[in-house]
Amino acid sequence: MTPQHLTILTGASRGMGLAMAHQLLGTDRHLLCISRQANDELTAEAKRLGAPLTQWSQDLADTTGAAHRLQTFLDSPPASPWASATLINNAGVIPRIGPLDHCPPDDLANALRVGLEAPMQLTAAFLRATTAWVDAGWRGPRKVLNISSGLGRSAMAAQAPYCAAKAGMDHSWRAPCVAGTRRDRHRHAGATARGRPGGLPRPQPLCGTPAPGPAHSA
């Protein structure tokens, strides 16, 4: 049997995440979507295409629960069925727009858990599991793509929680990205995509790839 590509996508039930999920469906890829609710439209499209699809109903505010669930999934089968493994951290929350002191505490906590803590926990689980694959002899590429925003670098009034989550996401990846690139340039790569008006995010170069100016994630 030809090995399939494994792609894990968070926040896939609507918006840009759903658009990406539709583009990622294919007979050569197993798509695992992690969202608060499954999307029936996506299920129907996958069935029509004969594309392997798994949808988890998972609240990413339960960051440790989501990470444990992902690592259990990655640890359960042998790595050999997968030609590659990719984690796309797309999910995010924009809480009530306004001054920081007007944001309810629960909303503030939820925005930071979903937008910052969950990507870090999921990335850590993904790297732990796939590192075990590599140690066991697997040689497929593994990648992490964090869907960020221009607000991670340029703050906007009345959106402090979202800006903080995206800035933290960007910076949280730089250290493990550099460490992973030095350890294994060909197997361990990370990237950040920054939203731009009028279209889907434009991925920045993978770590280890030279890039001019501030666009270089490493």
N, C-alpha and C. Protein backbone atom coordinates (compact mmCIF):
# COMPACT_ATOMS: atom_id res chain seq x y z
N MET A 1 0.85 -1.19 0.00
CA MET A 1 0.00 0.00 0.00
C MET A 1 0.89 1.24 0.00
N THR A 2 0.55 2.21 -0.85
CA THR A 2 1.33 3.45 -0.93
C THR A 2 1.11 4.28 0.33
N PRO A 3 2.18 4.70 1.02
CA PRO A 3 2.01 5.51 2.22
C PRO A 3 1.26 6.81 1.92
N GLN A 4 0.41 7.23 2.85
CA GLN A 4 -0.34 8.47 2.70
C GLN A 4 0.33 9.59 3.48
N HIS A 5 0.04 10.80 3.07
CA HIS A 5 0.48 11.98 3.82
C HIS A 5 -0.52 12.22 4.95
N LEU A 6 -0.02 12.55 6.11
CA LEU A 6 -0.87 12.87 7.26
C LEU A 6 -0.82 14.38 7.49
N THR A 7 -2.00 15.02 7.47
CA THR A 7 -2.08 16.45 7.75
C THR A 7 -3.08 16.68 8.86
N ILE A 8 -2.67 17.40 9.89
CA ILE A 8 -3.51 17.72 11.04
C ILE A 8 -3.80 19.22 10.99
N LEU A 9 -5.08 19.58 11.00
CA LEU A 9 -5.49 20.97 10.83
C LEU A 9 -6.45 21.36 11.95
N THR A 10 -6.14 22.43 12.68
CA THR A 10 -7.04 22.90 13.73
C THR A 10 -7.92 24.04 13.19
N GLY A 11 -9.09 24.19 13.81
CA GLY A 11 -10.01 25.26 13.40
C GLY A 11 -10.51 25.07 11.99
N ALA A 12 -10.90 23.84 11.65
CA ALA A 12 -11.23 23.51 10.26
C ALA A 12 -12.72 23.53 9.96
N SER A 13 -13.55 23.90 10.91
CA SER A 13 -14.99 23.78 10.71
C SER A 13 -15.63 24.98 10.01
N ARG A 14 -14.88 26.09 9.90
CA ARG A 14 -15.46 27.27 9.24
C ARG A 14 -14.35 28.22 8.83
N GLY A 15 -14.73 29.23 8.06
CA GLY A 15 -13.79 30.28 7.67
C GLY A 15 -12.61 29.78 6.86
N MET A 16 -11.46 30.38 7.12
CA MET A 16 -10.26 30.04 6.38
C MET A 16 -9.85 28.59 6.62
N GLY A 17 -10.07 28.10 7.84
CA GLY A 17 -9.73 26.72 8.14
C GLY A 17 -10.53 25.74 7.28
N LEU A 18 -11.81 26.02 7.11
CA LEU A 18 -12.65 25.16 6.27
C LEU A 18 -12.20 25.23 4.82
N ALA A 19 -11.83 26.43 4.35
CA ALA A 19 -11.34 26.56 2.98
C ALA A 19 -10.06 25.75 2.77
N MET A 20 -9.16 25.79 3.75
CA MET A 20 -7.93 25.00 3.66
C MET A 20 -8.25 23.51 3.68
N ALA A 21 -9.20 23.11 4.53
CA ALA A 21 -9.56 21.70 4.62
C ALA A 21 -10.05 21.17 3.28
N HIS A 22 -10.89 21.96 2.60
CA HIS A 22 -11.39 21.54 1.28
C HIS A 22 -10.22 21.36 0.30
N GLN A 23 -9.25 22.27 0.36
CA GLN A 23 -8.11 22.17 -0.55
C GLN A 23 -7.21 20.99 -0.23
N LEU A 24 -7.18 20.58 1.02
CA LEU A 24 -6.29 19.51 1.44
C LEU A 24 -6.87 18.11 1.23
N LEU A 25 -8.17 18.02 1.00
CA LEU A 25 -8.78 16.71 0.77
C LEU A 25 -8.18 16.04 -0.46
N GLY A 26 -7.83 14.77 -0.32
CA GLY A 26 -7.27 14.04 -1.46
C GLY A 26 -7.12 12.58 -1.11
N THR A 27 -7.11 11.73 -2.12
CA THR A 27 -7.01 10.29 -1.89
C THR A 27 -5.65 9.88 -1.34
N ASP A 28 -4.64 10.74 -1.51
CA ASP A 28 -3.28 10.40 -1.04
C ASP A 28 -2.98 11.03 0.32
N ARG A 29 -4.00 11.63 0.96
CA ARG A 29 -3.77 12.33 2.23
C ARG A 29 -4.84 11.96 3.24
N HIS A 30 -4.40 11.66 4.45
CA HIS A 30 -5.33 11.50 5.56
C HIS A 30 -5.39 12.84 6.30
N LEU A 31 -6.56 13.46 6.26
CA LEU A 31 -6.74 14.77 6.89
C LEU A 31 -7.43 14.60 8.23
N LEU A 32 -6.78 15.04 9.29
CA LEU A 32 -7.35 15.02 10.63
C LEU A 32 -7.68 16.46 11.02
N CYS A 33 -8.95 16.76 11.20
CA CYS A 33 -9.40 18.11 11.54
C CYS A 33 -9.79 18.15 13.02
N ILE A 34 -9.30 19.16 13.72
CA ILE A 34 -9.60 19.32 15.15
C ILE A 34 -10.32 20.65 15.33
N SER A 35 -11.60 20.59 15.68
CA SER A 35 -12.43 21.79 15.83
C SER A 35 -13.44 21.53 16.93
N ARG A 36 -14.11 22.58 17.35
CA ARG A 36 -15.14 22.39 18.38
C ARG A 36 -16.29 21.55 17.85
N GLN A 37 -16.59 21.68 16.56
CA GLN A 37 -17.67 20.91 15.95
C GLN A 37 -17.23 20.38 14.60
N ALA A 38 -17.72 19.20 14.25
CA ALA A 38 -17.46 18.65 12.92
C ALA A 38 -18.27 19.41 11.88
N ASN A 39 -17.81 19.38 10.64
CA ASN A 39 -18.49 20.08 9.55
C ASN A 39 -19.07 19.06 8.59
N ASP A 40 -20.40 19.02 8.48
CA ASP A 40 -21.06 18.02 7.64
C ASP A 40 -20.75 18.22 6.16
N GLU A 41 -20.59 19.47 5.75
CA GLU A 41 -20.26 19.76 4.35
C GLU A 41 -18.91 19.15 3.97
N LEU A 42 -17.95 19.24 4.89
CA LEU A 42 -16.62 18.69 4.64
C LEU A 42 -16.68 17.16 4.59
N THR A 43 -17.48 16.58 5.46
CA THR A 43 -17.65 15.12 5.46
C THR A 43 -18.21 14.64 4.13
N ALA A 44 -19.21 15.35 3.62
CA ALA A 44 -19.83 14.98 2.35
C ALA A 44 -18.84 15.11 1.20
N GLU A 45 -18.04 16.17 1.20
CA GLU A 45 -17.07 16.36 0.14
C GLU A 45 -15.99 15.28 0.17
N ALA A 46 -15.55 14.91 1.36
CA ALA A 46 -14.55 13.85 1.48
C ALA A 46 -15.10 12.52 0.97
N LYS A 47 -16.35 12.25 1.28
CA LYS A 47 -16.98 11.00 0.82
C LYS A 47 -17.09 10.99 -0.69
N ARG A 48 -17.42 12.15 -1.28
CA ARG A 48 -17.56 12.23 -2.74
C ARG A 48 -16.22 11.98 -3.42
N LEU A 49 -15.14 12.49 -2.82
CA LEU A 49 -13.82 12.36 -3.40
C LEU A 49 -13.13 11.04 -3.07
N GLY A 50 -13.67 10.33 -2.09
CA GLY A 50 -12.98 9.14 -1.61
C GLY A 50 -11.73 9.49 -0.83
N ALA A 51 -11.76 10.63 -0.15
CA ALA A 51 -10.59 11.14 0.57
C ALA A 51 -10.69 10.78 2.05
N PRO A 52 -9.63 10.22 2.63
CA PRO A 52 -9.65 9.88 4.05
C PRO A 52 -9.77 11.14 4.91
N LEU A 53 -10.75 11.16 5.79
CA LEU A 53 -10.99 12.32 6.65
C LEU A 53 -11.42 11.86 8.03
N THR A 54 -10.80 12.46 9.04
CA THR A 54 -11.21 12.26 10.43
C THR A 54 -11.47 13.63 11.03
N GLN A 55 -12.62 13.78 11.70
CA GLN A 55 -12.93 15.06 12.36
C GLN A 55 -13.13 14.81 13.84
N TRP A 56 -12.37 15.52 14.66
CA TRP A 56 -12.54 15.45 16.10
C TRP A 56 -13.32 16.67 16.57
N SER A 57 -14.32 16.45 17.41
CA SER A 57 -14.97 17.54 18.12
C SER A 57 -14.19 17.75 19.42
N GLN A 58 -13.35 18.79 19.42
CA GLN A 58 -12.43 19.00 20.54
C GLN A 58 -12.32 20.48 20.84
N ASP A 59 -12.60 20.86 22.07
CA ASP A 59 -12.42 22.25 22.49
C ASP A 59 -10.93 22.48 22.75
N LEU A 60 -10.30 23.32 21.95
CA LEU A 60 -8.87 23.57 22.10
C LEU A 60 -8.53 24.40 23.33
N ALA A 61 -9.55 24.94 24.01
CA ALA A 61 -9.29 25.60 25.28
C ALA A 61 -8.86 24.58 26.33
N ASP A 62 -9.21 23.33 26.12
CA ASP A 62 -8.70 22.22 26.94
C ASP A 62 -7.37 21.81 26.32
N THR A 63 -6.34 22.59 26.58
CA THR A 63 -5.09 22.45 25.84
C THR A 63 -4.39 21.13 26.13
N THR A 64 -4.32 20.74 27.38
CA THR A 64 -3.63 19.49 27.70
C THR A 64 -4.42 18.28 27.21
N GLY A 65 -5.74 18.38 27.28
CA GLY A 65 -6.58 17.29 26.77
C GLY A 65 -6.41 17.10 25.27
N ALA A 66 -6.37 18.22 24.54
CA ALA A 66 -6.19 18.15 23.08
C ALA A 66 -4.82 17.58 22.73
N ALA A 67 -3.78 18.03 23.46
CA ALA A 67 -2.43 17.55 23.18
C ALA A 67 -2.30 16.06 23.50
N HIS A 68 -2.88 15.63 24.60
CA HIS A 68 -2.83 14.20 24.96
C HIS A 68 -3.55 13.36 23.91
N ARG A 69 -4.68 13.85 23.46
CA ARG A 69 -5.44 13.11 22.44
C ARG A 69 -4.65 12.98 21.15
N LEU A 70 -3.97 14.06 20.76
CA LEU A 70 -3.18 14.02 19.54
C LEU A 70 -1.99 13.07 19.69
N GLN A 71 -1.30 13.15 20.82
CA GLN A 71 -0.14 12.28 20.98
C GLN A 71 -0.56 10.81 21.03
N THR A 72 -1.69 10.51 21.66
CA THR A 72 -2.19 9.13 21.68
C THR A 72 -2.47 8.65 20.27
N PHE A 73 -3.07 9.52 19.45
CA PHE A 73 -3.35 9.16 18.06
C PHE A 73 -2.05 8.89 17.30
N LEU A 74 -1.06 9.74 17.47
CA LEU A 74 0.19 9.59 16.74
C LEU A 74 1.02 8.41 17.24
N ASP A 75 0.86 8.07 18.52
CA ASP A 75 1.61 6.96 19.10
C ASP A 75 1.00 5.60 18.77
N SER A 76 -0.31 5.58 18.45
CA SER A 76 -1.00 4.30 18.33
C SER A 76 -0.62 3.47 17.12
N PRO A 77 -0.59 4.05 15.88
CA PRO A 77 -0.19 3.21 14.75
C PRO A 77 1.31 3.33 14.51
N PRO A 78 1.91 2.38 13.81
CA PRO A 78 3.30 2.57 13.42
C PRO A 78 3.42 3.72 12.43
N ALA A 79 4.59 4.34 12.36
CA ALA A 79 4.78 5.50 11.49
C ALA A 79 4.83 5.12 10.02
N SER A 80 5.06 3.87 9.72
CA SER A 80 5.29 3.46 8.33
C SER A 80 4.17 3.83 7.35
N PRO A 81 2.88 3.91 7.78
CA PRO A 81 1.85 4.27 6.78
C PRO A 81 1.96 5.70 6.27
N TRP A 82 2.71 6.55 6.93
CA TRP A 82 2.72 7.97 6.58
C TRP A 82 3.94 8.33 5.74
N ALA A 83 3.69 8.95 4.60
CA ALA A 83 4.78 9.44 3.75
C ALA A 83 5.35 10.74 4.31
N SER A 84 4.51 11.52 5.00
CA SER A 84 4.92 12.77 5.63
C SER A 84 3.93 13.08 6.73
N ALA A 85 4.30 14.01 7.59
CA ALA A 85 3.41 14.44 8.68
C ALA A 85 3.48 15.95 8.81
N THR A 86 2.32 16.59 8.82
CA THR A 86 2.24 18.05 8.89
C THR A 86 1.19 18.47 9.91
N LEU A 87 1.54 19.40 10.77
CA LEU A 87 0.60 20.00 11.72
C LEU A 87 0.38 21.45 11.32
N ILE A 88 -0.88 21.84 11.11
CA ILE A 88 -1.23 23.22 10.78
C ILE A 88 -2.05 23.80 11.93
N ASN A 89 -1.44 24.71 12.69
CA ASN A 89 -2.12 25.38 13.80
C ASN A 89 -2.84 26.61 13.25
N ASN A 90 -4.12 26.47 13.01
CA ASN A 90 -4.91 27.55 12.40
C ASN A 90 -5.91 28.18 13.36
N ALA A 91 -6.39 27.42 14.34
CA ALA A 91 -7.47 27.89 15.21
C ALA A 91 -7.07 29.14 15.98
N GLY A 92 -8.02 30.05 16.14
CA GLY A 92 -7.79 31.26 16.91
C GLY A 92 -9.12 31.85 17.36
N VAL A 93 -9.07 32.70 18.34
CA VAL A 93 -10.27 33.33 18.89
C VAL A 93 -10.06 34.83 18.99
N ILE A 94 -11.01 35.60 18.49
CA ILE A 94 -11.01 37.06 18.69
C ILE A 94 -12.07 37.37 19.74
N PRO A 95 -11.67 37.72 20.96
CA PRO A 95 -12.66 38.02 21.99
C PRO A 95 -13.30 39.39 21.74
N ARG A 96 -14.09 39.83 22.68
CA ARG A 96 -14.78 41.12 22.56
C ARG A 96 -13.77 42.23 22.24
N ILE A 97 -14.05 42.97 21.18
CA ILE A 97 -13.15 44.04 20.77
C ILE A 97 -13.37 45.27 21.65
N GLY A 98 -12.30 45.78 22.21
CA GLY A 98 -12.40 46.94 23.09
C GLY A 98 -11.18 47.00 23.99
N PRO A 99 -11.13 47.94 24.91
CA PRO A 99 -10.00 48.06 25.83
C PRO A 99 -9.82 46.76 26.62
N LEU A 100 -8.59 46.48 26.99
CA LEU A 100 -8.28 45.23 27.69
C LEU A 100 -9.10 45.08 28.96
N ASP A 101 -9.29 46.16 29.69
CA ASP A 101 -10.03 46.06 30.96
C ASP A 101 -11.52 45.84 30.75
N HIS A 102 -12.00 45.92 29.50
CA HIS A 102 -13.40 45.63 29.21
C HIS A 102 -13.61 44.19 28.77
N CYS A 103 -12.53 43.44 28.61
CA CYS A 103 -12.62 42.05 28.16
C CYS A 103 -12.90 41.16 29.37
N PRO A 104 -14.01 40.40 29.36
CA PRO A 104 -14.29 39.51 30.49
C PRO A 104 -13.14 38.54 30.73
N PRO A 105 -12.80 38.26 31.98
CA PRO A 105 -11.67 37.38 32.28
C PRO A 105 -11.72 36.03 31.59
N ASP A 106 -12.92 35.43 31.52
CA ASP A 106 -13.03 34.12 30.88
C ASP A 106 -12.75 34.21 29.38
N ASP A 107 -13.20 35.29 28.75
CA ASP A 107 -12.94 35.48 27.32
C ASP A 107 -11.46 35.69 27.05
N LEU A 108 -10.80 36.45 27.92
CA LEU A 108 -9.38 36.70 27.78
C LEU A 108 -8.59 35.39 27.91
N ALA A 109 -8.95 34.61 28.93
CA ALA A 109 -8.26 33.33 29.14
C ALA A 109 -8.47 32.39 27.96
N ASN A 110 -9.69 32.34 27.44
CA ASN A 110 -10.00 31.46 26.33
C ASN A 110 -9.22 31.84 25.07
N ALA A 111 -9.12 33.15 24.80
CA ALA A 111 -8.40 33.61 23.61
C ALA A 111 -6.93 33.22 23.67
N LEU A 112 -6.32 33.32 24.86
CA LEU A 112 -4.90 32.99 24.99
C LEU A 112 -4.69 31.47 24.99
N ARG A 113 -5.64 30.72 25.53
CA ARG A 113 -5.50 29.26 25.50
C ARG A 113 -5.60 28.73 24.08
N VAL A 114 -6.62 29.17 23.36
CA VAL A 114 -6.83 28.65 22.00
C VAL A 114 -5.78 29.19 21.03
N GLY A 115 -5.43 30.47 21.17
CA GLY A 115 -4.54 31.10 20.20
C GLY A 115 -3.06 30.91 20.46
N LEU A 116 -2.67 30.62 21.70
CA LEU A 116 -1.25 30.50 22.02
C LEU A 116 -0.90 29.19 22.71
N GLU A 117 -1.59 28.88 23.79
CA GLU A 117 -1.23 27.67 24.54
C GLU A 117 -1.53 26.41 23.74
N ALA A 118 -2.67 26.35 23.06
CA ALA A 118 -3.01 25.15 22.30
C ALA A 118 -2.01 24.86 21.19
N PRO A 119 -1.62 25.85 20.36
CA PRO A 119 -0.60 25.55 19.34
C PRO A 119 0.70 25.04 19.94
N MET A 120 1.12 25.60 21.07
CA MET A 120 2.37 25.15 21.69
C MET A 120 2.23 23.72 22.21
N GLN A 121 1.13 23.42 22.86
CA GLN A 121 0.91 22.07 23.38
C GLN A 121 0.81 21.04 22.24
N LEU A 122 0.07 21.39 21.19
CA LEU A 122 -0.08 20.46 20.06
C LEU A 122 1.25 20.27 19.34
N THR A 123 2.01 21.36 19.19
CA THR A 123 3.31 21.25 18.53
C THR A 123 4.25 20.36 19.34
N ALA A 124 4.24 20.54 20.66
CA ALA A 124 5.09 19.71 21.51
C ALA A 124 4.71 18.24 21.39
N ALA A 125 3.41 17.95 21.40
CA ALA A 125 2.96 16.56 21.26
C ALA A 125 3.34 15.99 19.89
N PHE A 126 3.17 16.80 18.86
CA PHE A 126 3.50 16.37 17.50
C PHE A 126 5.00 16.06 17.39
N LEU A 127 5.84 16.93 17.95
CA LEU A 127 7.28 16.72 17.86
C LEU A 127 7.74 15.53 18.69
N ARG A 128 7.13 15.34 19.87
CA ARG A 128 7.49 14.17 20.67
C ARG A 128 7.20 12.88 19.91
N ALA A 129 5.99 12.81 19.34
CA ALA A 129 5.60 11.59 18.65
C ALA A 129 6.42 11.34 17.39
N THR A 130 6.60 12.38 16.59
CA THR A 130 7.32 12.17 15.32
C THR A 130 8.82 11.99 15.55
N THR A 131 9.35 12.54 16.63
CA THR A 131 10.76 12.28 16.97
C THR A 131 10.94 10.79 17.28
N ALA A 132 9.96 10.20 17.96
CA ALA A 132 10.02 8.76 18.22
C ALA A 132 9.98 7.98 16.92
N TRP A 133 9.19 8.46 15.94
CA TRP A 133 9.17 7.80 14.63
C TRP A 133 10.57 7.84 14.00
N VAL A 134 11.18 9.03 14.03
CA VAL A 134 12.50 9.18 13.42
C VAL A 134 13.52 8.28 14.12
N ASP A 135 13.45 8.22 15.45
CA ASP A 135 14.36 7.37 16.20
C ASP A 135 14.18 5.89 15.84
N ALA A 136 12.97 5.55 15.41
CA ALA A 136 12.68 4.16 15.03
C ALA A 136 13.00 3.88 13.56
N GLY A 137 13.48 4.91 12.84
CA GLY A 137 13.91 4.69 11.47
C GLY A 137 13.06 5.35 10.39
N TRP A 138 11.97 6.06 10.79
CA TRP A 138 11.13 6.73 9.80
C TRP A 138 11.88 7.92 9.22
N ARG A 139 11.77 8.14 7.91
CA ARG A 139 12.53 9.21 7.25
C ARG A 139 11.66 10.14 6.41
N GLY A 140 10.39 10.23 6.74
CA GLY A 140 9.52 11.16 6.02
C GLY A 140 9.69 12.58 6.53
N PRO A 141 9.34 13.59 5.73
CA PRO A 141 9.40 14.98 6.21
C PRO A 141 8.29 15.27 7.21
N ARG A 142 8.58 16.09 8.18
CA ARG A 142 7.58 16.53 9.15
C ARG A 142 7.65 18.04 9.26
N LYS A 143 6.50 18.67 9.28
CA LYS A 143 6.44 20.13 9.24
C LYS A 143 5.38 20.65 10.19
N VAL A 144 5.61 21.87 10.67
CA VAL A 144 4.62 22.60 11.47
C VAL A 144 4.38 23.94 10.80
N LEU A 145 3.13 24.25 10.53
CA LEU A 145 2.76 25.54 9.93
C LEU A 145 1.84 26.27 10.90
N ASN A 146 2.30 27.39 11.41
CA ASN A 146 1.49 28.21 12.31
C ASN A 146 0.84 29.34 11.52
N ILE A 147 -0.48 29.40 11.51
CA ILE A 147 -1.19 30.46 10.80
C ILE A 147 -1.27 31.68 11.72
N SER A 148 -0.50 32.68 11.40
CA SER A 148 -0.40 33.85 12.25
C SER A 148 -1.14 35.03 11.61
N SER A 149 -0.74 36.23 11.97
CA SER A 149 -1.41 37.44 11.49
C SER A 149 -0.43 38.60 11.57
N GLY A 150 -0.67 39.60 10.75
CA GLY A 150 0.12 40.82 10.83
C GLY A 150 0.02 41.48 12.19
N LEU A 151 -1.08 41.18 12.92
CA LEU A 151 -1.25 41.77 14.26
C LEU A 151 -0.27 41.17 15.26
N GLY A 152 0.42 40.10 14.86
CA GLY A 152 1.46 39.56 15.72
C GLY A 152 2.69 40.46 15.77
N ARG A 153 2.82 41.33 14.77
CA ARG A 153 3.96 42.25 14.74
C ARG A 153 3.54 43.71 14.85
N SER A 154 2.37 44.02 14.35
CA SER A 154 1.89 45.40 14.39
C SER A 154 0.60 45.45 15.20
N ALA A 155 0.68 45.96 16.42
CA ALA A 155 -0.47 45.95 17.32
C ALA A 155 -1.59 46.83 16.80
N MET A 156 -2.81 46.46 17.14
CA MET A 156 -3.99 47.24 16.77
C MET A 156 -4.77 47.55 18.04
N ALA A 157 -5.25 48.76 18.14
CA ALA A 157 -6.02 49.16 19.31
C ALA A 157 -7.24 48.26 19.48
N ALA A 158 -7.57 47.97 20.72
CA ALA A 158 -8.77 47.23 21.09
C ALA A 158 -8.71 45.74 20.76
N GLN A 159 -7.53 45.22 20.40
CA GLN A 159 -7.41 43.80 20.10
C GLN A 159 -6.19 43.20 20.81
N ALA A 160 -5.95 43.62 22.03
CA ALA A 160 -4.77 43.18 22.77
C ALA A 160 -4.68 41.66 22.92
N PRO A 161 -5.76 40.94 23.27
CA PRO A 161 -5.62 39.48 23.44
C PRO A 161 -5.22 38.77 22.16
N TYR A 162 -5.82 39.14 21.03
CA TYR A 162 -5.50 38.51 19.76
C TYR A 162 -4.07 38.85 19.32
N CYS A 163 -3.69 40.11 19.47
CA CYS A 163 -2.32 40.52 19.12
C CYS A 163 -1.31 39.76 19.96
N ALA A 164 -1.59 39.63 21.25
CA ALA A 164 -0.66 38.94 22.14
C ALA A 164 -0.53 37.47 21.77
N ALA A 165 -1.66 36.83 21.45
CA ALA A 165 -1.63 35.41 21.09
C ALA A 165 -0.80 35.19 19.84
N LYS A 166 -0.99 36.04 18.82
CA LYS A 166 -0.26 35.86 17.57
C LYS A 166 1.23 36.21 17.72
N ALA A 167 1.53 37.24 18.50
CA ALA A 167 2.94 37.57 18.74
C ALA A 167 3.62 36.43 19.50
N GLY A 168 2.91 35.88 20.48
CA GLY A 168 3.46 34.76 21.22
C GLY A 168 3.65 33.53 20.35
N MET A 169 2.69 33.27 19.46
CA MET A 169 2.82 32.14 18.55
C MET A 169 4.07 32.28 17.68
N ASP A 170 4.25 33.48 17.13
CA ASP A 170 5.42 33.71 16.28
C ASP A 170 6.72 33.46 17.05
N HIS A 171 6.81 34.04 18.24
CA HIS A 171 8.07 33.96 18.98
C HIS A 171 8.28 32.57 19.57
N SER A 172 7.20 31.89 19.93
CA SER A 172 7.33 30.58 20.55
C SER A 172 7.95 29.57 19.61
N TRP A 173 7.81 29.81 18.30
CA TRP A 173 8.32 28.84 17.35
C TRP A 173 9.78 29.07 17.01
N ARG A 174 10.30 30.27 17.23
CA ARG A 174 11.66 30.57 16.77
C ARG A 174 12.70 29.68 17.45
N ALA A 175 12.60 29.50 18.77
CA ALA A 175 13.62 28.71 19.47
C ALA A 175 13.59 27.24 19.06
N PRO A 176 12.44 26.54 19.11
CA PRO A 176 12.45 25.14 18.68
C PRO A 176 12.75 24.99 17.20
N CYS A 177 12.39 26.00 16.41
CA CYS A 177 12.67 25.93 14.97
C CYS A 177 14.18 25.91 14.73
N VAL A 178 14.89 26.82 15.37
CA VAL A 178 16.34 26.87 15.20
C VAL A 178 16.97 25.60 15.72
N ALA A 179 16.53 25.14 16.90
CA ALA A 179 17.11 23.93 17.49
C ALA A 179 16.85 22.72 16.59
N GLY A 180 15.62 22.62 16.07
CA GLY A 180 15.29 21.48 15.23
C GLY A 180 16.03 21.51 13.91
N THR A 181 16.21 22.71 13.35
CA THR A 181 16.92 22.83 12.08
C THR A 181 18.37 22.41 12.24
N ARG A 182 19.00 22.81 13.35
CA ARG A 182 20.39 22.43 13.57
C ARG A 182 20.52 20.93 13.80
N ARG A 183 19.51 20.32 14.44
CA ARG A 183 19.60 18.91 14.75
C ARG A 183 19.32 18.05 13.52
N ASP A 184 18.40 18.50 12.68
CA ASP A 184 17.96 17.63 11.58
C ASP A 184 17.36 18.50 10.49
N ARG A 185 18.19 19.10 9.66
CA ARG A 185 17.76 20.11 8.70
C ARG A 185 16.73 19.56 7.71
N HIS A 186 16.80 18.28 7.38
CA HIS A 186 15.97 17.76 6.31
C HIS A 186 14.64 17.17 6.81
N ARG A 187 14.52 16.96 8.11
CA ARG A 187 13.34 16.27 8.61
C ARG A 187 12.44 17.13 9.49
N HIS A 188 12.94 18.26 9.93
CA HIS A 188 12.22 19.02 10.95
C HIS A 188 12.17 20.48 10.52
N ALA A 189 11.00 20.92 10.06
CA ALA A 189 10.89 22.28 9.53
C ALA A 189 9.66 22.96 10.09
N GLY A 190 9.73 24.27 10.19
CA GLY A 190 8.57 25.01 10.66
C GLY A 190 8.38 26.26 9.84
N ALA A 191 7.16 26.78 9.78
CA ALA A 191 6.90 27.99 9.02
C ALA A 191 5.77 28.77 9.67
N THR A 192 5.70 30.04 9.37
CA THR A 192 4.60 30.87 9.83
C THR A 192 3.94 31.53 8.64
N ALA A 193 2.64 31.48 8.57
CA ALA A 193 1.90 32.18 7.53
C ALA A 193 1.24 33.40 8.14
N ARG A 194 1.36 34.53 7.48
CA ARG A 194 0.77 35.76 7.98
C ARG A 194 -0.39 36.18 7.09
N GLY A 195 -1.52 36.48 7.72
CA GLY A 195 -2.69 36.85 6.95
C GLY A 195 -2.48 38.12 6.16
N ARG A 196 -3.09 38.18 4.99
CA ARG A 196 -3.01 39.39 4.19
C ARG A 196 -4.39 39.66 3.61
N PRO A 197 -4.79 40.91 3.50
CA PRO A 197 -6.14 41.24 3.03
C PRO A 197 -6.39 40.67 1.65
N GLY A 198 -7.60 40.16 1.45
CA GLY A 198 -8.04 39.75 0.12
C GLY A 198 -7.58 38.37 -0.30
N GLY A 199 -7.02 37.57 0.59
CA GLY A 199 -6.58 36.25 0.17
C GLY A 199 -6.14 35.40 1.33
N LEU A 200 -5.79 34.15 1.02
CA LEU A 200 -5.29 33.25 2.03
C LEU A 200 -3.89 33.68 2.46
N PRO A 201 -3.44 33.22 3.61
CA PRO A 201 -2.11 33.60 4.07
C PRO A 201 -1.02 33.15 3.11
N ARG A 202 0.05 33.89 3.07
CA ARG A 202 1.20 33.54 2.23
C ARG A 202 2.25 32.92 3.13
N PRO A 203 2.55 31.62 2.97
CA PRO A 203 3.53 30.99 3.85
C PRO A 203 4.91 31.64 3.73
N GLN A 204 5.57 31.82 4.85
CA GLN A 204 6.94 32.30 4.88
C GLN A 204 7.87 31.11 4.66
N PRO A 205 9.14 31.35 4.33
CA PRO A 205 10.07 30.25 4.07
C PRO A 205 10.22 29.34 5.27
N LEU A 206 10.44 28.06 4.99
CA LEU A 206 10.69 27.11 6.07
C LEU A 206 12.00 27.43 6.75
N CYS A 207 12.10 27.06 8.01
CA CYS A 207 13.34 27.26 8.74
C CYS A 207 14.47 26.54 8.04
N GLY A 208 15.61 27.22 8.00
CA GLY A 208 16.76 26.65 7.33
C GLY A 208 16.89 27.13 5.89
N THR A 209 15.83 27.80 5.38
CA THR A 209 15.87 28.34 4.03
C THR A 209 16.20 29.82 4.09
N PRO A 210 17.25 30.30 3.42
CA PRO A 210 17.60 31.71 3.51
C PRO A 210 16.46 32.59 3.03
N ALA A 211 16.26 33.67 3.70
CA ALA A 211 15.22 34.61 3.30
C ALA A 211 15.66 36.01 3.69
N PRO A 212 15.35 37.00 2.86
CA PRO A 212 15.80 38.35 3.18
C PRO A 212 14.90 39.02 4.21
N GLY A 213 15.50 39.88 4.99
CA GLY A 213 14.74 40.76 5.85
C GLY A 213 13.96 40.05 6.93
N PRO A 214 12.91 40.73 7.46
CA PRO A 214 12.20 40.24 8.64
C PRO A 214 11.29 39.06 8.36
N ALA A 215 11.09 38.64 7.11
CA ALA A 215 10.19 37.54 6.83
C ALA A 215 10.75 36.21 7.32
N HIS A 216 12.05 36.12 7.56
CA HIS A 216 12.68 34.87 7.94
C HIS A 216 12.25 34.48 9.35
N SER A 217 11.57 33.34 9.51
CA SER A 217 11.02 32.96 10.80
C SER A 217 12.07 32.56 11.81
N ALA A 218 13.23 32.10 11.34
CA ALA A 218 14.24 31.62 12.29
C ALA A 218 15.03 32.75 12.89
